[in-house]
PDB file of N, CA and C in Angstrom:
ATOM      1  N   MET A   1    -168.913 147.359 -62.805  1.00  0.00           N
ATOM      2  CA  MET A   1    -170.245 147.628 -63.347  1.00  0.00           C
ATOM      3  C   MET A   1    -170.981 148.455 -62.283  1.00  0.00           C
ATOM      4  N   THR A   2    -171.728 149.497 -62.797  1.00  0.00           N
ATOM      5  CA  THR A   2    -172.513 150.266 -61.900  1.00  0.00           C
ATOM      6  C   THR A   2    -173.826 149.466 -61.508  1.00  0.00           C
ATOM      7  N   LYS A   3    -174.358 149.872 -60.377  1.00  0.00           N
ATOM      8  CA  LYS A   3    -175.626 149.301 -59.932  1.00  0.00           C
ATOM      9  C   LYS A   3    -176.764 149.413 -61.022  1.00  0.00           C
ATOM     10  N   ASP A   4    -176.828 150.619 -61.645  1.00  0.00           N
ATOM     11  CA  ASP A   4    -177.787 150.847 -62.701  1.00  0.00           C
ATOM     12  C   ASP A   4    -177.572 149.888 -63.909  1.00  0.00           C
ATOM     13  N   ASP A   5    -176.290 149.729 -64.300  1.00  0.00           N
ATOM     14  CA  ASP A   5    -175.994 148.791 -65.390  1.00  0.00           C
ATOM     15  C   ASP A   5    -176.393 147.345 -65.019  1.00  0.00           C
ATOM     16  N   ALA A   6    -176.098 147.033 -63.800  1.00  0.00           N
ATOM     17  CA  ALA A   6    -176.413 145.638 -63.359  1.00  0.00           C
ATOM     18  C   ALA A   6    -177.927 145.441 -63.362  1.00  0.00           C
ATOM     19  N   GLN A   7    -178.695 146.445 -62.937  1.00  0.00           N
ATOM     20  CA  GLN A   7    -180.137 146.321 -62.915  1.00  0.00           C
ATOM     21  C   GLN A   7    -180.672 146.208 -64.359  1.00  0.00           C
ATOM     22  N   LYS A   8    -180.166 147.035 -65.229  1.00  0.00           N
ATOM     23  CA  LYS A   8    -180.592 146.949 -66.684  1.00  0.00           C
ATOM     24  C   LYS A   8    -180.290 145.612 -67.278  1.00  0.00           C
ATOM     25  N   LEU A   9    -179.079 145.078 -67.017  1.00  0.00           N
ATOM     26  CA  LEU A   9    -178.735 143.775 -67.531  1.00  0.00           C
ATOM     27  C   LEU A   9    -179.552 142.663 -66.915  1.00  0.00           C
ATOM     28  N   ALA A  10    -179.757 142.763 -65.593  1.00  0.00           N
ATOM     29  CA  ALA A  10    -180.572 141.638 -64.912  1.00  0.00           C
ATOM     30  C   ALA A  10    -182.003 141.691 -65.510  1.00  0.00           C
ATOM     31  N   LEU A  11    -182.607 142.856 -65.718  1.00  0.00           N
ATOM     32  CA  LEU A  11    -183.958 142.889 -66.160  1.00  0.00           C
ATOM     33  C   LEU A  11    -184.054 142.418 -67.629  1.00  0.00           C
ATOM     34  N   GLU A  12    -183.044 142.788 -68.483  1.00  0.00           N
ATOM     35  CA  GLU A  12    -182.969 142.330 -69.886  1.00  0.00           C
ATOM     36  C   GLU A  12    -183.001 140.815 -69.916  1.00  0.00           C
ATOM     37  N   ARG A  13    -182.146 140.174 -69.093  1.00  0.00           N
ATOM     38  CA  ARG A  13    -182.050 138.768 -69.078  1.00  0.00           C
ATOM     39  C   ARG A  13    -183.385 138.137 -68.529  1.00  0.00           C
ATOM     40  N   TRP A  14    -183.872 138.717 -67.490  1.00  0.00           N
ATOM     41  CA  TRP A  14    -185.174 138.226 -66.889  1.00  0.00           C
ATOM     42  C   TRP A  14    -186.290 138.233 -67.909  1.00  0.00           C
ATOM     43  N   ARG A  15    -186.394 139.313 -68.639  1.00  0.00           N
ATOM     44  CA  ARG A  15    -187.460 139.511 -69.613  1.00  0.00           C
ATOM     45  C   ARG A  15    -187.376 138.593 -70.806  1.00  0.00           C
ATOM     46  N   LYS A  16    -186.216 138.069 -71.072  1.00  0.00           N
ATOM     47  CA  LYS A  16    -185.980 137.132 -72.215  1.00  0.00           C
ATOM     48  C   LYS A  16    -186.585 135.775 -71.889  1.00  0.00           C
ATOM     49  N   LEU A  17    -186.790 135.502 -70.581  1.00  0.00           N
ATOM     50  CA  LEU A  17    -187.394 134.229 -70.177  1.00  0.00           C
ATOM     51  C   LEU A  17    -188.859 134.223 -70.600  1.00  0.00           C
ATOM     52  N   PRO A  18    -189.390 133.058 -70.851  1.00  0.00           N
ATOM     53  CA  PRO A  18    -190.861 132.903 -71.222  1.00  0.00           C
ATOM     54  C   PRO A  18    -191.641 133.384 -70.027  1.00  0.00           C
ATOM     55  N   LEU A  19    -192.800 134.018 -70.244  1.00  0.00           N
ATOM     56  CA  LEU A  19    -193.603 134.627 -69.189  1.00  0.00           C
ATOM     57  C   LEU A  19    -193.938 133.662 -68.099  1.00  0.00           C
ATOM     58  N   MET A  20    -194.141 132.389 -68.447  1.00  0.00           N
ATOM     59  CA  MET A  20    -194.471 131.395 -67.464  1.00  0.00           C
ATOM     60  C   MET A  20    -193.321 131.095 -66.474  1.00  0.00           C
ATOM     61  N   GLU A  21    -192.126 131.452 -66.892  1.00  0.00           N
ATOM     62  CA  GLU A  21    -190.959 131.204 -66.010  1.00  0.00           C
ATOM     63  C   GLU A  21    -190.542 132.444 -65.180  1.00  0.00           C
ATOM     64  N   ARG A  22    -191.390 133.515 -65.233  1.00  0.00           N
ATOM     65  CA  ARG A  22    -191.128 134.713 -64.506  1.00  0.00           C
ATOM     66  C   ARG A  22    -192.382 135.360 -63.888  1.00  0.00           C
ATOM     67  N   GLN A  23    -193.115 134.489 -63.217  1.00  0.00           N
ATOM     68  CA  GLN A  23    -194.377 134.941 -62.598  1.00  0.00           C
ATOM     69  C   GLN A  23    -194.393 134.946 -61.087  1.00  0.00           C
ATOM     70  N   THR A  24    -193.462 134.230 -60.479  1.00  0.00           N
ATOM     71  CA  THR A  24    -193.512 134.117 -59.044  1.00  0.00           C
ATOM     72  C   THR A  24    -192.316 134.668 -58.330  1.00  0.00           C
ATOM     73  N   HIS A  25    -192.457 134.976 -57.040  1.00  0.00           N
ATOM     74  CA  HIS A  25    -191.295 135.495 -56.313  1.00  0.00           C
ATOM     75  C   HIS A  25    -190.239 134.384 -56.194  1.00  0.00           C
ATOM     76  N   LYS A  26    -190.639 133.121 -56.087  1.00  0.00           N
ATOM     77  CA  LYS A  26    -189.637 132.041 -56.020  1.00  0.00           C
ATOM     78  C   LYS A  26    -188.848 131.958 -57.310  1.00  0.00           C
ATOM     79  N   GLN A  27    -189.476 132.147 -58.420  1.00  0.00           N
ATOM     80  CA  GLN A  27    -188.739 132.113 -59.716  1.00  0.00           C
ATOM     81  C   GLN A  27    -187.782 133.271 -59.751  1.00  0.00           C
ATOM     82  N   ALA A  28    -188.187 134.466 -59.284  1.00  0.00           N
ATOM     83  CA  ALA A  28    -187.343 135.637 -59.191  1.00  0.00           C
ATOM     84  C   ALA A  28    -186.096 135.340 -58.363  1.00  0.00           C
ATOM     85  N   GLN A  29    -186.267 134.697 -57.197  1.00  0.00           N
ATOM     86  CA  GLN A  29    -185.233 134.452 -56.267  1.00  0.00           C
ATOM     87  C   GLN A  29    -184.223 133.430 -56.767  1.00  0.00           C
ATOM     88  N   VAL A  30    -184.764 132.484 -57.476  1.00  0.00           N
ATOM     89  CA  VAL A  30    -183.843 131.440 -58.127  1.00  0.00           C
ATOM     90  C   VAL A  30    -183.020 132.091 -59.202  1.00  0.00           C
ATOM     91  N   PHE A  31    -183.663 132.892 -60.019  1.00  0.00           N
ATOM     92  CA  PHE A  31    -183.019 133.537 -61.125  1.00  0.00           C
ATOM     93  C   PHE A  31    -181.938 134.558 -60.628  1.00  0.00           C
ATOM     94  N   ALA A  32    -182.347 135.256 -59.552  1.00  0.00           N
ATOM     95  CA  ALA A  32    -181.428 136.258 -58.967  1.00  0.00           C
ATOM     96  C   ALA A  32    -180.166 135.555 -58.415  1.00  0.00           C
ATOM     97  N   ALA A  33    -180.341 134.366 -57.839  1.00  0.00           N
ATOM     98  CA  ALA A  33    -179.148 133.610 -57.302  1.00  0.00           C
ATOM     99  C   ALA A  33    -178.230 133.229 -58.434  1.00  0.00           C
ATOM    100  N   SER A  34    -178.790 132.913 -59.630  1.00  0.00           N
ATOM    101  CA  SER A  34    -177.919 132.546 -60.746  1.00  0.00           C
ATOM    102  C   SER A  34    -177.179 133.800 -61.259  1.00  0.00           C
ATOM    103  N   LEU A  35    -177.819 134.884 -61.256  1.00  0.00           N
ATOM    104  CA  LEU A  35    -177.234 136.200 -61.739  1.00  0.00           C
ATOM    105  C   LEU A  35    -176.196 136.815 -60.795  1.00  0.00           C
ATOM    106  N   ALA A  36    -176.364 136.523 -59.484  1.00  0.00           N
ATOM    107  CA  ALA A  36    -175.527 137.218 -58.467  1.00  0.00           C
ATOM    108  C   ALA A  36    -174.090 137.025 -58.667  1.00  0.00           C
ATOM    109  N   ASP A  37    -173.594 135.843 -59.109  1.00  0.00           N
ATOM    110  CA  ASP A  37    -172.222 135.521 -59.345  1.00  0.00           C
ATOM    111  C   ASP A  37    -171.743 136.184 -60.683  1.00  0.00           C
ATOM    112  N   GLU A  38    -172.601 136.461 -61.635  1.00  0.00           N
ATOM    113  CA  GLU A  38    -172.250 137.044 -62.917  1.00  0.00           C
ATOM    114  C   GLU A  38    -172.153 138.614 -62.866  1.00  0.00           C
ATOM    115  N   LEU A  39    -173.081 139.207 -62.050  1.00  0.00           N
ATOM    116  CA  LEU A  39    -173.125 140.629 -62.049  1.00  0.00           C
ATOM    117  C   LEU A  39    -172.301 141.146 -60.869  1.00  0.00           C
ATOM    118  N   ASP A  40    -171.233 141.912 -61.207  1.00  0.00           N
ATOM    119  CA  ASP A  40    -170.393 142.473 -60.123  1.00  0.00           C
ATOM    120  C   ASP A  40    -170.669 143.954 -60.009  1.00  0.00           C
ATOM    121  N   PHE A  41    -171.385 144.273 -59.001  1.00  0.00           N
ATOM    122  CA  PHE A  41    -171.705 145.740 -58.789  1.00  0.00           C
ATOM    123  C   PHE A  41    -171.624 146.040 -57.273  1.00  0.00           C
ATOM    124  N   ARG A  42    -171.403 147.262 -56.995  1.00  0.00           N
ATOM    125  CA  ARG A  42    -171.379 147.658 -55.548  1.00  0.00           C
ATOM    126  C   ARG A  42    -172.709 147.896 -54.933  1.00  0.00           C
ATOM    127  N   THR A  43    -172.904 147.325 -53.796  1.00  0.00           N
ATOM    128  CA  THR A  43    -174.169 147.614 -53.077  1.00  0.00           C
ATOM    129  C   THR A  43    -173.865 147.379 -51.579  1.00  0.00           C
ATOM    130  N   MET A  44    -174.638 148.029 -50.788  1.00  0.00           N
ATOM    131  CA  MET A  44    -174.478 147.917 -49.334  1.00  0.00           C
ATOM    132  C   MET A  44    -175.148 146.598 -48.888  1.00  0.00           C
ATOM    133  N   GLY A  45    -176.081 146.061 -49.637  1.00  0.00           N
ATOM    134  CA  GLY A  45    -176.799 144.860 -49.342  1.00  0.00           C
ATOM    135  C   GLY A  45    -176.259 143.614 -49.975  1.00  0.00           C
ATOM    136  N   ASN A  46    -176.940 142.508 -49.790  1.00  0.00           N
ATOM    137  CA  ASN A  46    -176.621 141.303 -50.426  1.00  0.00           C
ATOM    138  C   ASN A  46    -177.002 141.379 -51.881  1.00  0.00           C
ATOM    139  N   GLU A  47    -176.090 141.102 -52.785  1.00  0.00           N
ATOM    140  CA  GLU A  47    -176.338 141.225 -54.283  1.00  0.00           C
ATOM    141  C   GLU A  47    -177.522 140.368 -54.649  1.00  0.00           C
ATOM    142  N   ARG A  48    -177.645 139.193 -54.212  1.00  0.00           N
ATOM    143  CA  ARG A  48    -178.721 138.306 -54.607  1.00  0.00           C
ATOM    144  C   ARG A  48    -180.048 138.899 -54.174  1.00  0.00           C
ATOM    145  N   LYS A  49    -180.143 139.439 -52.987  1.00  0.00           N
ATOM    146  CA  LYS A  49    -181.372 140.048 -52.531  1.00  0.00           C
ATOM    147  C   LYS A  49    -181.717 141.299 -53.313  1.00  0.00           C
ATOM    148  N   VAL A  50    -180.746 142.052 -53.575  1.00  0.00           N
ATOM    149  CA  VAL A  50    -180.941 143.290 -54.399  1.00  0.00           C
ATOM    150  C   VAL A  50    -181.528 142.961 -55.791  1.00  0.00           C
ATOM    151  N   ILE A  51    -180.886 141.957 -56.497  1.00  0.00           N
ATOM    152  CA  ILE A  51    -181.311 141.478 -57.797  1.00  0.00           C
ATOM    153  C   ILE A  51    -182.746 140.933 -57.637  1.00  0.00           C
ATOM    154  N   ALA A  52    -183.001 140.102 -56.720  1.00  0.00           N
ATOM    155  CA  ALA A  52    -184.353 139.569 -56.491  1.00  0.00           C
ATOM    156  C   ALA A  52    -185.404 140.653 -56.260  1.00  0.00           C
ATOM    157  N   ALA A  53    -185.062 141.724 -55.591  1.00  0.00           N
ATOM    158  CA  ALA A  53    -185.981 142.891 -55.390  1.00  0.00           C
ATOM    159  C   ALA A  53    -186.315 143.539 -56.761  1.00  0.00           C
ATOM    160  N   TRP A  54    -185.338 143.654 -57.599  1.00  0.00           N
ATOM    161  CA  TRP A  54    -185.558 144.233 -58.907  1.00  0.00           C
ATOM    162  C   TRP A  54    -186.549 143.361 -59.700  1.00  0.00           C
ATOM    163  N   LEU A  55    -186.290 142.022 -59.747  1.00  0.00           N
ATOM    164  CA  LEU A  55    -187.163 141.125 -60.485  1.00  0.00           C
ATOM    165  C   LEU A  55    -188.528 141.045 -59.866  1.00  0.00           C
ATOM    166  N   ILE A  56    -188.623 141.026 -58.605  1.00  0.00           N
ATOM    167  CA  ILE A  56    -189.959 140.985 -57.989  1.00  0.00           C
ATOM    168  C   ILE A  56    -190.716 142.264 -58.280  1.00  0.00           C
ATOM    169  N   ARG A  57    -190.123 143.389 -58.237  1.00  0.00           N
ATOM    170  CA  ARG A  57    -190.734 144.648 -58.643  1.00  0.00           C
ATOM    171  C   ARG A  57    -191.221 144.525 -60.071  1.00  0.00           C
ATOM    172  N   ASP A  58    -190.447 143.932 -60.962  1.00  0.00           N
ATOM    173  CA  ASP A  58    -190.896 143.788 -62.382  1.00  0.00           C
ATOM    174  C   ASP A  58    -192.130 142.860 -62.479  1.00  0.00           C
ATOM    175  N   ILE A  59    -192.152 141.783 -61.640  1.00  0.00           N
ATOM    176  CA  ILE A  59    -193.321 140.886 -61.627  1.00  0.00           C
ATOM    177  C   ILE A  59    -194.549 141.733 -61.255  1.00  0.00           C
ATOM    178  N   GLU A  60    -194.472 142.465 -60.231  1.00  0.00           N
ATOM    179  CA  GLU A  60    -195.585 143.285 -59.733  1.00  0.00           C
ATOM    180  C   GLU A  60    -196.066 144.326 -60.776  1.00  0.00           C
ATOM    181  N   LYS A  61    -195.108 144.965 -61.416  1.00  0.00           N
ATOM    182  CA  LYS A  61    -195.527 145.943 -62.487  1.00  0.00           C
ATOM    183  C   LYS A  61    -196.123 145.256 -63.666  1.00  0.00           C
ATOM    184  N   THR A  62    -195.693 144.079 -63.999  1.00  0.00           N
ATOM    185  CA  THR A  62    -196.329 143.297 -65.079  1.00  0.00           C
ATOM    186  C   THR A  62    -197.713 142.929 -64.723  1.00  0.00           C
ATOM    187  N   LYS A  63    -197.944 142.502 -63.446  1.00  0.00           N
ATOM    188  CA  LYS A  63    -199.293 142.099 -63.059  1.00  0.00           C
ATOM    189  C   LYS A  63    -200.229 143.271 -63.008  1.00  0.00           C
ATOM    190  N   GLU A  64    -199.716 144.429 -62.596  1.00  0.00           N
ATOM    191  CA  GLU A  64    -200.538 145.688 -62.565  1.00  0.00           C
ATOM    192  C   GLU A  64    -200.900 146.109 -64.021  1.00  0.00           C
ATOM    193  N   ALA A  65    -199.956 146.012 -64.906  1.00  0.00           N
ATOM    194  CA  ALA A  65    -200.149 146.419 -66.358  1.00  0.00           C
ATOM    195  C   ALA A  65    -201.093 145.492 -66.963  1.00  0.00           C
ATOM    196  N   THR A  66    -201.022 144.188 -66.670  1.00  0.00           N
ATOM    197  CA  THR A  66    -201.953 143.201 -67.249  1.00  0.00           C
ATOM    198  C   THR A  66    -203.367 143.410 -66.736  1.00  0.00           C
ATOM    199  N   ALA A  67    -203.523 143.638 -65.437  1.00  0.00           N
ATOM    200  CA  ALA A  67    -204.815 143.907 -64.852  1.00  0.00           C
ATOM    201  C   ALA A  67    -205.429 145.128 -65.407  1.00  0.00           C
ATOM    202  N   GLU A  68    -204.653 146.209 -65.707  1.00  0.00           N
ATOM    203  CA  GLU A  68    -205.183 147.394 -66.247  1.00  0.00           C
ATOM    204  C   GLU A  68    -205.648 147.186 -67.665  1.00  0.00           C
ATOM    205  N   LEU A  69    -204.837 146.462 -68.425  1.00  0.00           N
ATOM    206  CA  LEU A  69    -205.268 146.127 -69.810  1.00  0.00           C
ATOM    207  C   LEU A  69    -206.519 145.293 -69.874  1.00  0.00           C
ATOM    208  N   ASP A  70    -206.634 144.309 -68.958  1.00  0.00           N
ATOM    209  CA  ASP A  70    -207.821 143.498 -68.884  1.00  0.00           C
ATOM    210  C   ASP A  70    -209.098 144.416 -68.525  1.00  0.00           C
ATOM    211  N   ALA A  71    -208.916 145.281 -67.596  1.00  0.00           N
ATOM    212  CA  ALA A  71    -210.018 146.173 -67.251  1.00  0.00           C
ATOM    213  C   ALA A  71    -210.478 147.110 -68.369  1.00  0.00           C
ATOM    214  N   ARG A  72    -209.496 147.573 -69.139  1.00  0.00           N
ATOM    215  CA  ARG A  72    -209.818 148.403 -70.297  1.00  0.00           C
ATOM    216  C   ARG A  72    -210.519 147.574 -71.365  1.00  0.00           C
ATOM    217  N   GLU A  73    -210.062 146.334 -71.505  1.00  0.00           N
ATOM    218  CA  GLU A  73    -210.677 145.451 -72.525  1.00  0.00           C
ATOM    219  C   GLU A  73    -212.156 145.171 -72.180  1.00  0.00           C
ATOM    220  N   GLN A  74    -212.297 144.898 -70.887  1.00  0.00           N
ATOM    221  CA  GLN A  74    -213.660 144.528 -70.441  1.00  0.00           C
ATOM    222  C   GLN A  74    -214.613 145.789 -70.599  1.00  0.00           C
ATOM    223  N   GLN A  75    -214.095 146.994 -70.269  1.00  0.00           N
ATOM    224  CA  GLN A  75    -214.808 148.229 -70.449  1.00  0.00           C
ATOM    225  C   GLN A  75    -215.155 148.446 -71.880  1.00  0.00           C
ATOM    226  N   HIS A  76    -214.199 148.234 -72.748  1.00  0.00           N
ATOM    227  CA  HIS A  76    -214.445 148.444 -74.169  1.00  0.00           C
ATOM    228  C   HIS A  76    -215.486 147.481 -74.689  1.00  0.00           C
ATOM    229  N   HIS A  77    -215.423 146.184 -74.264  1.00  0.00           N
ATOM    230  CA  HIS A  77    -216.379 145.149 -74.640  1.00  0.00           C
ATOM    231  C   HIS A  77    -217.787 145.529 -74.176  1.00  0.00           C
ATOM    232  N   ALA A  78    -217.901 146.038 -72.959  1.00  0.00           N
ATOM    233  CA  ALA A  78    -219.158 146.416 -72.373  1.00  0.00           C
ATOM    234  C   ALA A  78    -219.760 147.579 -73.103  1.00  0.00           C
ATOM    235  N   GLU A  79    -218.904 148.584 -73.483  1.00  0.00           N
ATOM    236  CA  GLU A  79    -219.414 149.688 -74.222  1.00  0.00           C
ATOM    237  C   GLU A  79    -219.906 149.265 -75.641  1.00  0.00           C
ATOM    238  N   ALA A  80    -219.186 148.295 -76.204  1.00  0.00           N
ATOM    239  CA  ALA A  80    -219.551 147.796 -77.527  1.00  0.00           C
ATOM    240  C   ALA A  80    -220.889 147.091 -77.450  1.00  0.00           C
ATOM    241  N   GLU A  81    -221.121 146.340 -76.461  1.00  0.00           N
ATOM    242  CA  GLU A  81    -222.418 145.682 -76.190  1.00  0.00           C
ATOM    243  C   GLU A  81    -223.532 146.665 -75.994  1.00  0.00           C
ATOM    244  N   ASP A  82    -223.254 147.697 -75.212  1.00  0.00           N
ATOM    245  CA  ASP A  82    -224.276 148.782 -74.977  1.00  0.00           C
ATOM    246  C   ASP A  82    -224.664 149.434 -76.281  1.00  0.00           C
ATOM    247  N   GLY A  83    -223.677 149.672 -77.145  1.00  0.00           N
ATOM    248  CA  GLY A  83    -223.942 150.270 -78.428  1.00  0.00           C
ATOM    249  C   GLY A  83    -224.805 149.430 -79.319  1.00  0.00           C
ATOM    250  N   LYS A  84    -224.526 148.086 -79.258  1.00  0.00           N
ATOM    251  CA  LYS A  84    -225.373 147.178 -80.089  1.00  0.00           C
ATOM    252  C   LYS A  84    -226.772 147.103 -79.579  1.00  0.00           C
ATOM    253  N   SER A  85    -227.023 147.123 -78.328  1.00  0.00           N
ATOM    254  CA  SER A  85    -228.394 147.080 -77.763  1.00  0.00           C
ATOM    255  C   SER A  85    -229.170 148.373 -77.949  1.00  0.00           C
ATOM    256  N   ALA A  86    -228.469 149.466 -78.076  1.00  0.00           N
ATOM    257  CA  ALA A  86    -229.075 150.757 -78.302  1.00  0.00           C
ATOM    258  C   ALA A  86    -229.474 150.997 -79.755  1.00  0.00           C
ATOM    259  N   ALA A  87    -228.817 150.222 -80.625  1.00  0.00           N
ATOM    260  CA  ALA A  87    -229.128 150.440 -82.037  1.00  0.00           C
ATOM    261  C   ALA A  87    -230.267 149.608 -82.524  1.00  0.00           C
TER     262      ALA A  87
END
C-alpha cells in the first residue's frame, strides 16, 4: 500500500468514529496504534507516529473549521440584530 493510500484509509476510518471519540491528541494516538498493524506502508519514520500525525492534523483542521463557522454564525446573528434595530 502506498503512503497516500494508507493516509486516505486511516482518515476514512478515523472520520467514521463519533466526533466525541476523535477530539484529543490522546484519542488520535490510541487509534493510530490500532491502525499501525493493519496499514502496511513504507515510511522512514515510525508508522504509528506517522498515522498519529495525520489524525492530529485532522483534529486541528476540524477545530479551525468549527471556529470559523462559529465566527460566521455570530457575525450573521449580529448583522440580523442590527437590521432589526434599524427597522
